[in-house]
Amino acid sequence: MDDQTRIELEAATFRALQEHLMEKRTDVQNIDMMNLAGFCRNCLSRWYQEAANDRGIEMSKTEARELFYGMTMDAWKTNYQTDASDAKQAAFEVAFKENVGDKA
């Protein structure tokens, strides 16, 4: 497979993942994703931001999140985020430290 085809397939895969998380599975909470998989929608938006910045494109965390989420974080939280139990929050602290650390 040539590089251009690989890049196009990777981009299509990313778009499918983004659509799945943002349109089909809005019920899945970021905290649950982080606790189980070690990443969440915010991580994906941060990786998007980092890729842009690595290519000399200035993009803030807020801008990247709005591009990935298709809305502001406040709108996402209002529409889809639910309260997390103390146990989930404690597990998140561990998962965040192990998977994100001081990258956020």
PDB file of N, CA and C in Angstrom:
ATOM      1  N   MET A   1       0.849  -1.177   0.000  1.00  0.00           N
ATOM      2  CA  MET A   1       0.000   0.000   0.000  1.00  0.00           C
ATOM      3  C   MET A   1       0.890   1.234   0.000  1.00  0.00           C
ATOM      4  N   ASP A   2       0.541   2.194  -0.827  1.00  0.00           N
ATOM      5  CA  ASP A   2       1.343   3.417  -0.887  1.00  0.00           C
ATOM      6  C   ASP A   2       0.979   4.337   0.275  1.00  0.00           C
ATOM      7  N   ASP A   3       1.883   5.283   0.566  1.00  0.00           N
ATOM      8  CA  ASP A   3       1.717   6.174   1.719  1.00  0.00           C
ATOM      9  C   ASP A   3       0.443   7.008   1.645  1.00  0.00           C
ATOM     10  N   GLN A   4       0.105   7.524   0.473  1.00  0.00           N
ATOM     11  CA  GLN A   4      -1.094   8.366   0.350  1.00  0.00           C
ATOM     12  C   GLN A   4      -2.355   7.571   0.663  1.00  0.00           C
ATOM     13  N   THR A   5      -2.438   6.349   0.177  1.00  0.00           N
ATOM     14  CA  THR A   5      -3.600   5.509   0.474  1.00  0.00           C
ATOM     15  C   THR A   5      -3.674   5.209   1.965  1.00  0.00           C
ATOM     16  N   ARG A   6      -2.540   4.899   2.586  1.00  0.00           N
ATOM     17  CA  ARG A   6      -2.503   4.636   4.020  1.00  0.00           C
ATOM     18  C   ARG A   6      -3.000   5.844   4.800  1.00  0.00           C
ATOM     19  N   ILE A   7      -2.528   7.033   4.434  1.00  0.00           N
ATOM     20  CA  ILE A   7      -2.943   8.274   5.097  1.00  0.00           C
ATOM     21  C   ILE A   7      -4.452   8.484   4.943  1.00  0.00           C
ATOM     22  N   GLU A   8      -4.979   8.250   3.755  1.00  0.00           N
ATOM     23  CA  GLU A   8      -6.412   8.425   3.520  1.00  0.00           C
ATOM     24  C   GLU A   8      -7.237   7.427   4.331  1.00  0.00           C
ATOM     25  N   LEU A   9      -6.757   6.189   4.445  1.00  0.00           N
ATOM     26  CA  LEU A   9      -7.454   5.188   5.248  1.00  0.00           C
ATOM     27  C   LEU A   9      -7.402   5.540   6.733  1.00  0.00           C
ATOM     28  N   GLU A  10      -6.254   6.025   7.193  1.00  0.00           N
ATOM     29  CA  GLU A  10      -6.138   6.442   8.593  1.00  0.00           C
ATOM     30  C   GLU A  10      -7.068   7.616   8.882  1.00  0.00           C
ATOM     31  N   ALA A  11      -7.147   8.571   7.958  1.00  0.00           N
ATOM     32  CA  ALA A  11      -8.031   9.723   8.140  1.00  0.00           C
ATOM     33  C   ALA A  11      -9.498   9.284   8.170  1.00  0.00           C
ATOM     34  N   ALA A  12      -9.871   8.363   7.295  1.00  0.00           N
ATOM     35  CA  ALA A  12     -11.245   7.859   7.277  1.00  0.00           C
ATOM     36  C   ALA A  12     -11.556   7.126   8.579  1.00  0.00           C
ATOM     37  N   THR A  13     -10.597   6.388   9.090  1.00  0.00           N
ATOM     38  CA  THR A  13     -10.771   5.675  10.352  1.00  0.00           C
ATOM     39  C   THR A  13     -10.970   6.659  11.494  1.00  0.00           C
ATOM     40  N   PHE A  14     -10.167   7.712  11.534  1.00  0.00           N
ATOM     41  CA  PHE A  14     -10.313   8.738  12.564  1.00  0.00           C
ATOM     42  C   PHE A  14     -11.695   9.383  12.490  1.00  0.00           C
ATOM     43  N   ARG A  15     -12.130   9.718  11.276  1.00  0.00           N
ATOM     44  CA  ARG A  15     -13.455  10.345  11.140  1.00  0.00           C
ATOM     45  C   ARG A  15     -14.564   9.408  11.606  1.00  0.00           C
ATOM     46  N   ALA A  16     -14.422   8.119  11.322  1.00  0.00           N
ATOM     47  CA  ALA A  16     -15.426   7.144  11.775  1.00  0.00           C
ATOM     48  C   ALA A  16     -15.435   7.045  13.299  1.00  0.00           C
ATOM     49  N   LEU A  17     -14.262   7.048  13.917  1.00  0.00           N
ATOM     50  CA  LEU A  17     -14.183   7.014  15.382  1.00  0.00           C
ATOM     51  C   LEU A  17     -14.803   8.275  15.966  1.00  0.00           C
ATOM     52  N   GLN A  18     -14.479   9.411  15.401  1.00  0.00           N
ATOM     53  CA  GLN A  18     -15.040  10.674  15.884  1.00  0.00           C
ATOM     54  C   GLN A  18     -16.566  10.668  15.756  1.00  0.00           C
ATOM     55  N   GLU A  19     -17.091  10.248  14.629  1.00  0.00           N
ATOM     56  CA  GLU A  19     -18.540  10.188  14.439  1.00  0.00           C
ATOM     57  C   GLU A  19     -19.184   9.223  15.440  1.00  0.00           C
ATOM     58  N   HIS A  20     -18.554   8.090  15.638  1.00  0.00           N
ATOM     59  CA  HIS A  20     -19.079   7.100  16.567  1.00  0.00           C
ATOM     60  C   HIS A  20     -19.198   7.682  17.976  1.00  0.00           C
ATOM     61  N   LEU A  21     -18.149   8.355  18.420  1.00  0.00           N
ATOM     62  CA  LEU A  21     -18.137   8.910  19.775  1.00  0.00           C
ATOM     63  C   LEU A  21     -19.010  10.149  19.917  1.00  0.00           C
ATOM     64  N   MET A  22     -19.123  10.936  18.871  1.00  0.00           N
ATOM     65  CA  MET A  22     -19.805  12.217  18.984  1.00  0.00           C
ATOM     66  C   MET A  22     -21.276  12.159  18.574  1.00  0.00           C
ATOM     67  N   GLU A  23     -21.659  11.139  17.794  1.00  0.00           N
ATOM     68  CA  GLU A  23     -23.032  11.080  17.320  1.00  0.00           C
ATOM     69  C   GLU A  23     -23.762   9.808  17.739  1.00  0.00           C
ATOM     70  N   LYS A  24     -23.057   8.695  17.729  1.00  0.00           N
ATOM     71  CA  LYS A  24     -23.723   7.426  17.996  1.00  0.00           C
ATOM     72  C   LYS A  24     -23.636   6.994  19.451  1.00  0.00           C
ATOM     73  N   ARG A  25     -22.588   7.405  20.157  1.00  0.00           N
ATOM     74  CA  ARG A  25     -22.397   6.957  21.540  1.00  0.00           C
ATOM     75  C   ARG A  25     -22.141   8.122  22.486  1.00  0.00           C
ATOM     76  N   THR A  26     -23.007   9.111  22.409  1.00  0.00           N
ATOM     77  CA  THR A  26     -22.895  10.251  23.325  1.00  0.00           C
ATOM     78  C   THR A  26     -23.163   9.829  24.759  1.00  0.00           C
ATOM     79  N   ASP A  27     -23.751   8.637  24.943  1.00  0.00           N
ATOM     80  CA  ASP A  27     -24.030   8.134  26.283  1.00  0.00           C
ATOM     81  C   ASP A  27     -22.776   7.663  27.003  1.00  0.00           C
ATOM     82  N   VAL A  28     -21.735   7.368  26.274  1.00  0.00           N
ATOM     83  CA  VAL A  28     -20.490   6.902  26.885  1.00  0.00           C
ATOM     84  C   VAL A  28     -19.751   8.119  27.450  1.00  0.00           C
ATOM     85  N   GLN A  29     -19.499   8.077  28.733  1.00  0.00           N
ATOM     86  CA  GLN A  29     -18.877   9.201  29.419  1.00  0.00           C
ATOM     87  C   GLN A  29     -17.360   9.183  29.249  1.00  0.00           C
ATOM     88  N   ASN A  30     -16.763  10.369  29.128  1.00  0.00           N
ATOM     89  CA  ASN A  30     -15.312  10.482  29.021  1.00  0.00           C
ATOM     90  C   ASN A  30     -14.611   9.804  30.201  1.00  0.00           C
ATOM     91  N   ILE A  31     -15.155   9.982  31.392  1.00  0.00           N
ATOM     92  CA  ILE A  31     -14.509   9.417  32.575  1.00  0.00           C
ATOM     93  C   ILE A  31     -14.463   7.886  32.488  1.00  0.00           C
ATOM     94  N   ASP A  32     -15.516   7.279  31.938  1.00  0.00           N
ATOM     95  CA  ASP A  32     -15.529   5.823  31.774  1.00  0.00           C
ATOM     96  C   ASP A  32     -14.519   5.386  30.724  1.00  0.00           C
ATOM     97  N   MET A  33     -14.419   6.143  29.636  1.00  0.00           N
ATOM     98  CA  MET A  33     -13.429   5.825  28.604  1.00  0.00           C
ATOM     99  C   MET A  33     -12.019   5.900  29.178  1.00  0.00           C
ATOM    100  N   MET A  34     -11.743   6.964  29.918  1.00  0.00           N
ATOM    101  CA  MET A  34     -10.409   7.128  30.491  1.00  0.00           C
ATOM    102  C   MET A  34     -10.107   6.014  31.483  1.00  0.00           C
ATOM    103  N   ASN A  35     -11.074   5.699  32.321  1.00  0.00           N
ATOM    104  CA  ASN A  35     -10.852   4.671  33.328  1.00  0.00           C
ATOM    105  C   ASN A  35     -10.649   3.295  32.708  1.00  0.00           C
ATOM    106  N   LEU A  36     -11.308   3.009  31.613  1.00  0.00           N
ATOM    107  CA  LEU A  36     -11.211   1.692  30.989  1.00  0.00           C
ATOM    108  C   LEU A  36     -10.130   1.596  29.911  1.00  0.00           C
ATOM    109  N   ALA A  37      -9.996   2.641  29.117  1.00  0.00           N
ATOM    110  CA  ALA A  37      -9.117   2.569  27.950  1.00  0.00           C
ATOM    111  C   ALA A  37      -7.867   3.441  28.040  1.00  0.00           C
ATOM    112  N   GLY A  38      -7.859   4.374  28.988  1.00  0.00           N
ATOM    113  CA  GLY A  38      -6.698   5.243  29.125  1.00  0.00           C
ATOM    114  C   GLY A  38      -6.701   6.440  28.186  1.00  0.00           C
ATOM    115  N   PHE A  39      -7.827   6.678  27.513  1.00  0.00           N
ATOM    116  CA  PHE A  39      -7.982   7.876  26.684  1.00  0.00           C
ATOM    117  C   PHE A  39      -9.467   8.197  26.596  1.00  0.00           C
ATOM    118  N   CYS A  40      -9.760   9.434  26.175  1.00  0.00           N
ATOM    119  CA  CYS A  40     -11.154   9.856  26.024  1.00  0.00           C
ATOM    120  C   CYS A  40     -11.244  10.864  24.888  1.00  0.00           C
ATOM    121  N   ARG A  41     -12.392  11.460  24.725  1.00  0.00           N
ATOM    122  CA  ARG A  41     -12.572  12.456  23.668  1.00  0.00           C
ATOM    123  C   ARG A  41     -11.605  13.623  23.835  1.00  0.00           C
ATOM    124  N   ASN A  42     -11.353  14.027  25.086  1.00  0.00           N
ATOM    125  CA  ASN A  42     -10.423  15.132  25.311  1.00  0.00           C
ATOM    126  C   ASN A  42      -9.012  14.765  24.861  1.00  0.00           C
ATOM    127  N   CYS A  43      -8.624  13.523  25.064  1.00  0.00           N
ATOM    128  CA  CYS A  43      -7.309  13.071  24.589  1.00  0.00           C
ATOM    129  C   CYS A  43      -7.246  13.155  23.070  1.00  0.00           C
ATOM    130  N   LEU A  44      -8.295  12.692  22.404  1.00  0.00           N
ATOM    131  CA  LEU A  44      -8.324  12.752  20.945  1.00  0.00           C
ATOM    132  C   LEU A  44      -8.220  14.190  20.450  1.00  0.00           C
ATOM    133  N   SER A  45      -8.908  15.108  21.114  1.00  0.00           N
ATOM    134  CA  SER A  45      -8.810  16.512  20.699  1.00  0.00           C
ATOM    135  C   SER A  45      -7.419  17.071  20.989  1.00  0.00           C
ATOM    136  N   ARG A  46      -6.792  16.619  22.096  1.00  0.00           N
ATOM    137  CA  ARG A  46      -5.436  17.074  22.409  1.00  0.00           C
ATOM    138  C   ARG A  46      -4.452  16.544  21.370  1.00  0.00           C
ATOM    139  N   TRP A  47      -4.610  15.296  20.962  1.00  0.00           N
ATOM    140  CA  TRP A  47      -3.723  14.732  19.933  1.00  0.00           C
ATOM    141  C   TRP A  47      -3.897  15.479  18.610  1.00  0.00           C
ATOM    142  N   TYR A  48      -5.124  15.897  18.325  1.00  0.00           N
ATOM    143  CA  TYR A  48      -5.404  16.704  17.139  1.00  0.00           C
ATOM    144  C   TYR A  48      -4.658  18.039  17.233  1.00  0.00           C
ATOM    145  N   GLN A  49      -4.751  18.667  18.396  1.00  0.00           N
ATOM    146  CA  GLN A  49      -4.058  19.932  18.635  1.00  0.00           C
ATOM    147  C   GLN A  49      -2.551  19.754  18.497  1.00  0.00           C
ATOM    148  N   GLU A  50      -2.009  18.715  19.108  1.00  0.00           N
ATOM    149  CA  GLU A  50      -0.572  18.470  19.041  1.00  0.00           C
ATOM    150  C   GLU A  50      -0.108  18.241  17.608  1.00  0.00           C
ATOM    151  N   ALA A  51      -0.887  17.506  16.823  1.00  0.00           N
ATOM    152  CA  ALA A  51      -0.538  17.271  15.420  1.00  0.00           C
ATOM    153  C   ALA A  51      -0.526  18.589  14.649  1.00  0.00           C
ATOM    154  N   ALA A  52      -1.511  19.454  14.923  1.00  0.00           N
ATOM    155  CA  ALA A  52      -1.546  20.764  14.266  1.00  0.00           C
ATOM    156  C   ALA A  52      -0.340  21.595  14.675  1.00  0.00           C
ATOM    157  N   ASN A  53      -0.088  21.663  15.979  1.00  0.00           N
ATOM    158  CA  ASN A  53       1.043  22.453  16.475  1.00  0.00           C
ATOM    159  C   ASN A  53       2.370  21.942  15.924  1.00  0.00           C
ATOM    160  N   ASP A  54       2.521  20.613  15.809  1.00  0.00           N
ATOM    161  CA  ASP A  54       3.749  20.027  15.255  1.00  0.00           C
ATOM    162  C   ASP A  54       3.978  20.450  13.810  1.00  0.00           C
ATOM    163  N   ARG A  55       2.901  20.819  13.123  1.00  0.00           N
ATOM    164  CA  ARG A  55       2.993  21.238  11.726  1.00  0.00           C
ATOM    165  C   ARG A  55       2.986  22.755  11.585  1.00  0.00           C
ATOM    166  N   GLY A  56       3.155  23.441  12.709  1.00  0.00           N
ATOM    167  CA  GLY A  56       3.225  24.897  12.678  1.00  0.00           C
ATOM    168  C   GLY A  56       1.878  25.592  12.626  1.00  0.00           C
ATOM    169  N   ILE A  57       0.812  24.856  12.871  1.00  0.00           N
ATOM    170  CA  ILE A  57      -0.527  25.437  12.886  1.00  0.00           C
ATOM    171  C   ILE A  57      -0.881  25.755  14.333  1.00  0.00           C
ATOM    172  N   GLU A  58      -1.097  27.019  14.619  1.00  0.00           N
ATOM    173  CA  GLU A  58      -1.446  27.405  15.984  1.00  0.00           C
ATOM    174  C   GLU A  58      -2.883  26.988  16.269  1.00  0.00           C
ATOM    175  N   MET A  59      -3.045  26.233  17.343  1.00  0.00           N
ATOM    176  CA  MET A  59      -4.370  25.780  17.746  1.00  0.00           C
ATOM    177  C   MET A  59      -4.360  25.617  19.260  1.00  0.00           C
ATOM    178  N   SER A  60      -5.311  26.241  19.912  1.00  0.00           N
ATOM    179  CA  SER A  60      -5.415  26.132  21.367  1.00  0.00           C
ATOM    180  C   SER A  60      -6.180  24.863  21.742  1.00  0.00           C
ATOM    181  N   LYS A  61      -6.117  24.507  23.015  1.00  0.00           N
ATOM    182  CA  LYS A  61      -6.873  23.368  23.515  1.00  0.00           C
ATOM    183  C   LYS A  61      -8.366  23.595  23.286  1.00  0.00           C
ATOM    184  N   THR A  62      -8.828  24.800  23.546  1.00  0.00           N
ATOM    185  CA  THR A  62     -10.241  25.126  23.356  1.00  0.00           C
ATOM    186  C   THR A  62     -10.642  24.976  21.897  1.00  0.00           C
ATOM    187  N   GLU A  63      -9.829  25.482  20.992  1.00  0.00           N
ATOM    188  CA  GLU A  63     -10.131  25.367  19.561  1.00  0.00           C
ATOM    189  C   GLU A  63     -10.166  23.904  19.121  1.00  0.00           C
ATOM    190  N   ALA A  64      -9.206  23.126  19.580  1.00  0.00           N
ATOM    191  CA  ALA A  64      -9.158  21.712  19.205  1.00  0.00           C
ATOM    192  C   ALA A  64     -10.378  20.969  19.727  1.00  0.00           C
ATOM    193  N   ARG A  65     -10.765  21.256  20.950  1.00  0.00           N
ATOM    194  CA  ARG A  65     -11.947  20.592  21.512  1.00  0.00           C
ATOM    195  C   ARG A  65     -13.201  20.964  20.733  1.00  0.00           C
ATOM    196  N   GLU A  66     -13.343  22.225  20.382  1.00  0.00           N
ATOM    197  CA  GLU A  66     -14.525  22.631  19.625  1.00  0.00           C
ATOM    198  C   GLU A  66     -14.547  21.987  18.244  1.00  0.00           C
ATOM    199  N   LEU A  67     -13.381  21.840  17.617  1.00  0.00           N
ATOM    200  CA  LEU A  67     -13.318  21.156  16.328  1.00  0.00           C
ATOM    201  C   LEU A  67     -13.685  19.688  16.469  1.00  0.00           C
ATOM    202  N   PHE A  68     -13.147  19.026  17.494  1.00  0.00           N
ATOM    203  CA  PHE A  68     -13.417  17.604  17.664  1.00  0.00           C
ATOM    204  C   PHE A  68     -14.859  17.360  18.097  1.00  0.00           C
ATOM    205  N   TYR A  69     -15.320  18.109  19.097  1.00  0.00           N
ATOM    206  CA  TYR A  69     -16.656  17.911  19.641  1.00  0.00           C
ATOM    207  C   TYR A  69     -17.760  18.463  18.728  1.00  0.00           C
ATOM    208  N   GLY A  70     -17.411  19.428  17.896  1.00  0.00           N
ATOM    209  CA  GLY A  70     -18.427  20.063  17.066  1.00  0.00           C
ATOM    210  C   GLY A  70     -19.289  21.040  17.849  1.00  0.00           C
ATOM    211  N   MET A  71     -18.835  21.392  19.034  1.00  0.00           N
ATOM    212  CA  MET A  71     -19.546  22.321  19.921  1.00  0.00           C
ATOM    213  C   MET A  71     -18.578  22.726  21.032  1.00  0.00           C
ATOM    214  N   THR A  72     -18.990  23.671  21.845  1.00  0.00           N
ATOM    215  CA  THR A  72     -18.146  24.053  22.974  1.00  0.00           C
ATOM    216  C   THR A  72     -18.189  22.953  24.028  1.00  0.00           C
ATOM    217  N   MET A  73     -17.196  22.939  24.906  1.00  0.00           N
ATOM    218  CA  MET A  73     -17.194  21.979  26.008  1.00  0.00           C
ATOM    219  C   MET A  73     -18.386  22.218  26.930  1.00  0.00           C
ATOM    220  N   ASP A  74     -18.736  23.475  27.139  1.00  0.00           N
ATOM    221  CA  ASP A  74     -19.900  23.770  27.976  1.00  0.00           C
ATOM    222  C   ASP A  74     -21.165  23.160  27.387  1.00  0.00           C
ATOM    223  N   ALA A  75     -21.328  23.252  26.070  1.00  0.00           N
ATOM    224  CA  ALA A  75     -22.503  22.660  25.420  1.00  0.00           C
ATOM    225  C   ALA A  75     -22.477  21.138  25.553  1.00  0.00           C
ATOM    226  N   TRP A  76     -21.302  20.520  25.359  1.00  0.00           N
ATOM    227  CA  TRP A  76     -21.190  19.062  25.501  1.00  0.00           C
ATOM    228  C   TRP A  76     -21.581  18.641  26.923  1.00  0.00           C
ATOM    229  N   LYS A  77     -21.008  19.327  27.895  1.00  0.00           N
ATOM    230  CA  LYS A  77     -21.290  18.971  29.289  1.00  0.00           C
ATOM    231  C   LYS A  77     -22.775  19.116  29.605  1.00  0.00           C
ATOM    232  N   THR A  78     -23.379  20.187  29.137  1.00  0.00           N
ATOM    233  CA  THR A  78     -24.795  20.422  29.384  1.00  0.00           C
ATOM    234  C   THR A  78     -25.651  19.332  28.737  1.00  0.00           C
ATOM    235  N   ASN A  79     -25.314  18.961  27.529  1.00  0.00           N
ATOM    236  CA  ASN A  79     -26.134  18.012  26.774  1.00  0.00           C
ATOM    237  C   ASN A  79     -25.881  16.551  27.115  1.00  0.00           C
ATOM    238  N   TYR A  80     -24.636  16.196  27.477  1.00  0.00           N
ATOM    239  CA  TYR A  80     -24.289  14.779  27.540  1.00  0.00           C
ATOM    240  C   TYR A  80     -23.588  14.304  28.814  1.00  0.00           C
ATOM    241  N   GLN A  81     -22.917  15.181  29.509  1.00  0.00           N
ATOM    242  CA  GLN A  81     -22.127  14.727  30.662  1.00  0.00           C
ATOM    243  C   GLN A  81     -23.010  14.514  31.877  1.00  0.00           C
ATOM    244  N   THR A  82     -22.773  13.408  32.561  1.00  0.00           N
ATOM    245  CA  THR A  82     -23.506  13.105  33.788  1.00  0.00           C
ATOM    246  C   THR A  82     -22.545  13.176  34.971  1.00  0.00           C
ATOM    247  N   ASP A  83     -23.095  13.223  36.168  1.00  0.00           N
ATOM    248  CA  ASP A  83     -22.267  13.248  37.369  1.00  0.00           C
ATOM    249  C   ASP A  83     -21.555  11.912  37.530  1.00  0.00           C
ATOM    250  N   ALA A  84     -20.325  11.975  37.998  1.00  0.00           N
ATOM    251  CA  ALA A  84     -19.526  10.773  38.232  1.00  0.00           C
ATOM    252  C   ALA A  84     -19.452  10.497  39.729  1.00  0.00           C
ATOM    253  N   SER A  85     -19.520   9.227  40.063  1.00  0.00           N
ATOM    254  CA  SER A  85     -19.436   8.835  41.465  1.00  0.00           C
ATOM    255  C   SER A  85     -18.038   9.122  42.013  1.00  0.00           C
ATOM    256  N   ASP A  86     -17.918   9.130  43.313  1.00  0.00           N
ATOM    257  CA  ASP A  86     -16.613   9.320  43.950  1.00  0.00           C
ATOM    258  C   ASP A  86     -15.640   8.231  43.515  1.00  0.00           C
ATOM    259  N   ALA A  87     -16.123   7.001  43.371  1.00  0.00           N
ATOM    260  CA  ALA A  87     -15.257   5.889  42.951  1.00  0.00           C
ATOM    261  C   ALA A  87     -14.741   6.106  41.534  1.00  0.00           C
ATOM    262  N   LYS A  88     -15.610   6.571  40.622  1.00  0.00           N
ATOM    263  CA  LYS A  88     -15.173   6.854  39.248  1.00  0.00           C
ATOM    264  C   LYS A  88     -14.157   7.995  39.226  1.00  0.00           C
ATOM    265  N   GLN A  89     -14.391   9.011  40.046  1.00  0.00           N
ATOM    266  CA  GLN A  89     -13.465  10.142  40.089  1.00  0.00           C
ATOM    267  C   GLN A  89     -12.106   9.715  40.621  1.00  0.00           C
ATOM    268  N   ALA A  90     -12.087   8.843  41.617  1.00  0.00           N
ATOM    269  CA  ALA A  90     -10.818   8.345  42.167  1.00  0.00           C
ATOM    270  C   ALA A  90     -10.082   7.507  41.126  1.00  0.00           C
ATOM    271  N   ALA A  91     -10.813   6.654  40.413  1.00  0.00           N
ATOM    272  CA  ALA A  91     -10.194   5.844  39.365  1.00  0.00           C
ATOM    273  C   ALA A  91      -9.662   6.728  38.242  1.00  0.00           C
ATOM    274  N   PHE A  92     -10.386   7.815  37.955  1.00  0.00           N
ATOM    275  CA  PHE A  92      -9.955   8.754  36.922  1.00  0.00           C
ATOM    276  C   PHE A  92      -8.624   9.399  37.290  1.00  0.00           C
ATOM    277  N   GLU A  93      -8.464   9.789  38.535  1.00  0.00           N
ATOM    278  CA  GLU A  93      -7.209  10.408  38.980  1.00  0.00           C
ATOM    279  C   GLU A  93      -6.023   9.495  38.660  1.00  0.00           C
ATOM    280  N   VAL A  94      -6.180   8.203  38.924  1.00  0.00           N
ATOM    281  CA  VAL A  94      -5.117   7.227  38.656  1.00  0.00           C
ATOM    282  C   VAL A  94      -4.919   7.084  37.151  1.00  0.00           C
ATOM    283  N   ALA A  95      -6.008   6.886  36.407  1.00  0.00           N
ATOM    284  CA  ALA A  95      -5.917   6.697  34.956  1.00  0.00           C
ATOM    285  C   ALA A  95      -5.314   7.922  34.278  1.00  0.00           C
ATOM    286  N   PHE A  96      -5.719   9.100  34.713  1.00  0.00           N
ATOM    287  CA  PHE A  96      -5.200  10.327  34.116  1.00  0.00           C
ATOM    288  C   PHE A  96      -3.700  10.433  34.349  1.00  0.00           C
ATOM    289  N   LYS A  97      -3.274  10.191  35.576  1.00  0.00           N
ATOM    290  CA  LYS A  97      -1.857  10.283  35.919  1.00  0.00           C
ATOM    291  C   LYS A  97      -1.042   9.280  35.092  1.00  0.00           C
ATOM    292  N   GLU A  98      -1.554   8.057  34.954  1.00  0.00           N
ATOM    293  CA  GLU A  98      -0.838   7.006  34.232  1.00  0.00           C
ATOM    294  C   GLU A  98      -0.804   7.246  32.721  1.00  0.00           C
ATOM    295  N   ASN A  99      -1.863   7.814  32.160  1.00  0.00           N
ATOM    296  CA  ASN A  99      -1.970   7.923  30.715  1.00  0.00           C
ATOM    297  C   ASN A  99      -1.735   9.294  30.141  1.00  0.00           C
ATOM    298  N   VAL A 100      -1.968  10.325  30.919  1.00  0.00           N
ATOM    299  CA  VAL A 100      -1.825  11.683  30.421  1.00  0.00           C
ATOM    300  C   VAL A 100      -0.708  12.416  31.153  1.00  0.00           C
ATOM    301  N   GLY A 101      -0.693  12.274  32.469  1.00  0.00           N
ATOM    302  CA  GLY A 101       0.328  12.957  33.266  1.00  0.00           C
ATOM    303  C   GLY A 101       0.214  14.445  33.121  1.00  0.00           C
ATOM    304  N   ASP A 102       1.345  15.065  32.836  1.00  0.00           N
ATOM    305  CA  ASP A 102       1.366  16.509  32.719  1.00  0.00           C
ATOM    306  C   ASP A 102       1.278  16.981  31.282  1.00  0.00           C
ATOM    307  N   LYS A 103       0.794  16.128  30.366  1.00  0.00           N
ATOM    308  CA  LYS A 103       0.631  16.502  28.958  1.00  0.00           C
ATOM    309  C   LYS A 103      -0.591  17.388  28.741  1.00  0.00           C
ATOM    310  N   ALA A 104      -1.550  17.310  29.645  1.00  0.00           N
ATOM    311  CA  ALA A 104      -2.798  18.044  29.449  1.00  0.00           C
ATOM    312  C   ALA A 104      -2.565  19.469  29.643  1.00  0.00           C
TER     313      ALA A 104
END
